[in-house]
């Protein structure tokens, strides 16, 4: 898939398991969220399986961000039930990339990436640096590592946030409009990387986006929201 300068991505890890029944890691049952008098989400029934790719679509104000926050455990439903076993790293580690990228403006791109290093996740610092270098190469940011985040454009900031997240080796990635500042080619390139992590490491991906063309370029399930209700769950060709 990746033929930019060298061969394919140089990460190691187990292939996605097959032939086993799906394991549901997120379940919502009649889940609603109300902020004062506003019903942000209404009676959501949803399960997400380990290793699944899910795109969340809908107009602005449809409830996408609220749904992602509930799926990640940031907020609880006002009524109904939400189950997600993210309380301990050894079960499922969930990483979030929301529109607040939580980068440190005064630090360089490289310094922001280095925050992700955890010796419990890597055999050595060298292994971390190898993965970091490979992701930076594939996403074409290697030459901007010394640039401070405050001087970087929105597209570069989004790439750095995603790379930093992937370096934490999450089991589940929940991302809210992570390609909003990227052009079409860069958006597809980014999702090719995420698709690789899904196929090779079984990473579950939940991605909110307005980009229907991007969604149709990859296999995955679509969750379409309208007025806080889940009105469609299925294949991209029907949205």
Foldseek 3Di string as FASTA:
>chain_A
DQDPPHDDQDDAFAFDDDDDDWAWQKFWAQFWADDVPATQAGGDGDTDTQLAEEEEEEDPSLNQVVVLCCRVVVDAGPDTHMGHPCPDVVPFPEDECEPPLPFDQAAFLQVSLVVLDDCVVDVDVVSLVSLLVSLCVLLVNPVRRRPGNNPDDPLVSLSSSVSSRVSNVGQEYEYEASCVVPDPVSVLSVVVVVVCCSRGVRRYYYYYHHDLVSQLVDWHWYFYGGSNYGPDIGTSVVD
